[in-house]
Each structure stands twice: as structure tokens, then as C-alpha cells.
């Protein structure tokens, strides 16, 4: 019976090692790309909707309410990893983690067409 118990302990240790290897594996990086040279990363999906509507209506970009929607403003070419994609009608949205620069580690939402 102690052999079975030892087997289970070894199995648990192996599973923990495998999971830790998977979690620490390198992230496949993508790039945020936009013709304007800058990309706004929004704090949430809802705030992204508000921000895009605000921009499309040509309202002031210095409005404090609009500025509060922004998690980061990054240069085109900034490396990122996609964490989550929208589905259905919202499939154009991507949640990303910024992987370099001043906003390294920041998580936010961008339109999918900005990711290459």
C-alpha cells in the first residue's frame, strides 16, 4: 500500500512540474500596428465602445471622461500577446497584454484589426 502512495506522490509532483513548465513557457508575441503610429489600449470592452464612439463623433480627445477610458497609448509595432478574443458580433475585439515599453504588463482591449 505504501508503494501506491509513493506512486501517487510522484505522479502529483510530475503534474506540478508539467503545469509550471506550461505556465512559464514563452508567450508568442504579436504586434500592435496602426497607420497613425499610435494605438489606444482601452481599460475594458465597454470603455472601448465608449472611446471609439467618442473618437468617431470627433469629440475632444482631452476630455477627462475619454482619457479615463485609456489603459495605455503605445507605438505601432509594440509587441503584445492576445489574452482573449471577442465572439460573435464582438469578434473584432482583442484583450491584450503589452510586452514591452513603458506600459509593459498592461492589460487592455484593442480592435482586432490592430493586431498582426
Protein backbone atom coordinates (compact mmCIF):
# COMPACT_ATOMS: atom_id res chain seq x y z
CA UNK A 1 0.00 0.00 0.00
CA UNK A 2 2.89 2.38 0.68
CA UNK A 3 4.14 1.79 -2.90
CA UNK A 4 0.82 3.03 -4.30
CA UNK A 5 1.01 6.06 -2.05
CA UNK A 6 4.57 6.77 -3.23
CA UNK A 7 3.42 6.37 -6.84
CA UNK A 8 0.67 8.95 -6.30
CA UNK A 9 3.11 11.39 -4.71
CA UNK A 10 5.49 11.06 -7.67
CA UNK A 11 2.57 11.49 -10.09
CA UNK A 12 1.44 14.67 -8.31
CA UNK A 13 4.98 16.09 -8.41
CA UNK A 14 5.25 15.35 -12.14
CA UNK A 15 1.90 17.03 -12.83
CA UNK A 16 3.02 20.12 -10.87
CA UNK A 17 6.29 20.28 -12.83
CA UNK A 18 4.47 19.96 -16.17
CA UNK A 19 1.94 22.67 -15.26
CA UNK A 20 4.69 25.03 -14.10
CA UNK A 21 6.55 24.47 -17.38
CA UNK A 22 3.44 25.26 -19.39
CA UNK A 23 2.74 28.43 -17.40
CA UNK A 24 6.33 29.66 -17.72
CA UNK A 25 6.68 28.90 -21.43
CA UNK A 26 7.44 31.89 -23.64
CA UNK A 27 4.49 33.86 -24.94
CA UNK A 28 4.01 34.03 -28.70
CA UNK A 29 4.25 37.73 -29.37
CA UNK A 30 2.23 39.64 -31.88
CA UNK A 31 2.45 43.30 -32.79
CA UNK A 32 0.02 46.17 -32.46
CA UNK A 33 0.03 48.00 -35.80
CA UNK A 34 -1.83 51.15 -36.89
CA UNK A 35 -1.30 53.58 -39.76
CA UNK A 36 -1.45 56.57 -37.40
CA UNK A 37 1.58 55.32 -35.47
CA UNK A 38 -0.16 55.26 -32.05
CA UNK A 39 -2.65 52.78 -30.63
CA UNK A 40 -5.05 53.39 -27.76
CA UNK A 41 -5.42 50.42 -25.43
CA UNK A 42 -8.71 50.69 -23.53
CA UNK A 43 -9.28 49.52 -19.95
CA UNK A 44 -12.34 47.35 -20.73
CA UNK A 45 -14.64 46.26 -23.56
CA UNK A 46 -17.34 48.72 -22.51
CA UNK A 47 -14.86 51.58 -22.27
CA UNK A 48 -13.52 50.64 -25.70
CA UNK A 49 -17.05 51.01 -27.13
CA UNK A 50 -17.39 54.39 -25.45
CA UNK A 51 -13.92 55.51 -26.61
CA UNK A 52 -14.46 54.51 -30.24
CA UNK A 53 -17.84 56.23 -30.28
CA UNK A 54 -16.21 59.33 -28.76
CA UNK A 55 -13.49 59.33 -31.46
CA UNK A 56 -15.98 58.71 -34.30
CA UNK A 57 -18.08 61.67 -33.13
CA UNK A 58 -14.91 63.81 -33.36
CA UNK A 59 -15.20 64.94 -29.74
CA UNK A 60 -12.24 66.33 -27.81
CA UNK A 61 -9.54 63.76 -27.09
CA UNK A 62 -8.53 65.73 -23.99
CA UNK A 63 -11.94 65.24 -22.36
CA UNK A 64 -11.31 63.78 -18.86
CA UNK A 65 -14.06 61.18 -19.32
CA UNK A 66 -12.45 59.95 -22.53
CA UNK A 67 -8.96 59.96 -21.00
CA UNK A 68 -10.22 57.81 -18.12
CA UNK A 69 -11.02 55.01 -20.61
CA UNK A 70 -7.38 54.63 -21.69
CA UNK A 71 -5.10 51.99 -20.16
CA UNK A 72 -2.14 52.78 -22.45
CA UNK A 73 -1.09 54.68 -25.56
CA UNK A 74 1.54 52.64 -27.38
CA UNK A 75 3.56 52.99 -30.57
CA UNK A 76 2.74 51.00 -33.66
CA UNK A 77 4.96 47.89 -33.66
CA UNK A 78 4.71 47.32 -29.90
CA UNK A 79 4.81 43.60 -29.04
CA UNK A 80 1.77 42.14 -27.28
CA UNK A 81 0.11 38.83 -26.54
CA UNK A 82 -3.58 38.18 -27.13
CA UNK A 83 -5.27 37.02 -23.95
CA UNK A 84 -8.87 36.86 -25.11
CA UNK A 85 -10.91 37.39 -28.27
CA UNK A 86 -14.46 38.59 -28.52
CA UNK A 87 -17.03 36.24 -30.01
CA UNK A 88 -19.96 36.59 -32.38
CA UNK A 89 -20.69 40.21 -33.24
CA UNK A 90 -17.89 41.28 -30.89
CA UNK A 91 -15.20 39.17 -32.56
CA UNK A 92 -13.29 42.28 -33.64
CA UNK A 93 -12.20 42.90 -30.03
CA UNK A 94 -8.99 41.54 -28.52
CA UNK A 95 -7.78 41.68 -24.94
CA UNK A 96 -4.00 42.06 -25.00
CA UNK A 97 -1.04 42.25 -22.63
CA UNK A 98 1.64 44.75 -23.63
CA UNK A 99 5.06 43.04 -23.65
CA UNK A 100 7.47 45.97 -23.96
CA UNK A 101 7.99 49.64 -23.36
CA UNK A 102 6.61 51.97 -20.74
CA UNK A 103 3.34 50.05 -20.46
CA UNK A 104 4.93 46.57 -20.24
CA UNK A 105 2.48 44.23 -18.47
CA UNK A 106 -0.57 46.46 -19.02
CA UNK A 107 -3.72 44.58 -20.00
CA UNK A 108 -6.40 46.21 -22.11
CA UNK A 109 -8.66 45.99 -25.15
CA UNK A 110 -8.00 46.95 -28.78
CA UNK A 111 -9.81 46.47 -32.10
CA UNK A 112 -8.65 43.22 -33.71
CA UNK A 113 -7.52 44.91 -36.92
CA UNK A 114 -4.65 46.50 -34.99
CA UNK A 115 -3.04 43.11 -34.28
CA UNK A 116 -0.60 41.46 -36.71
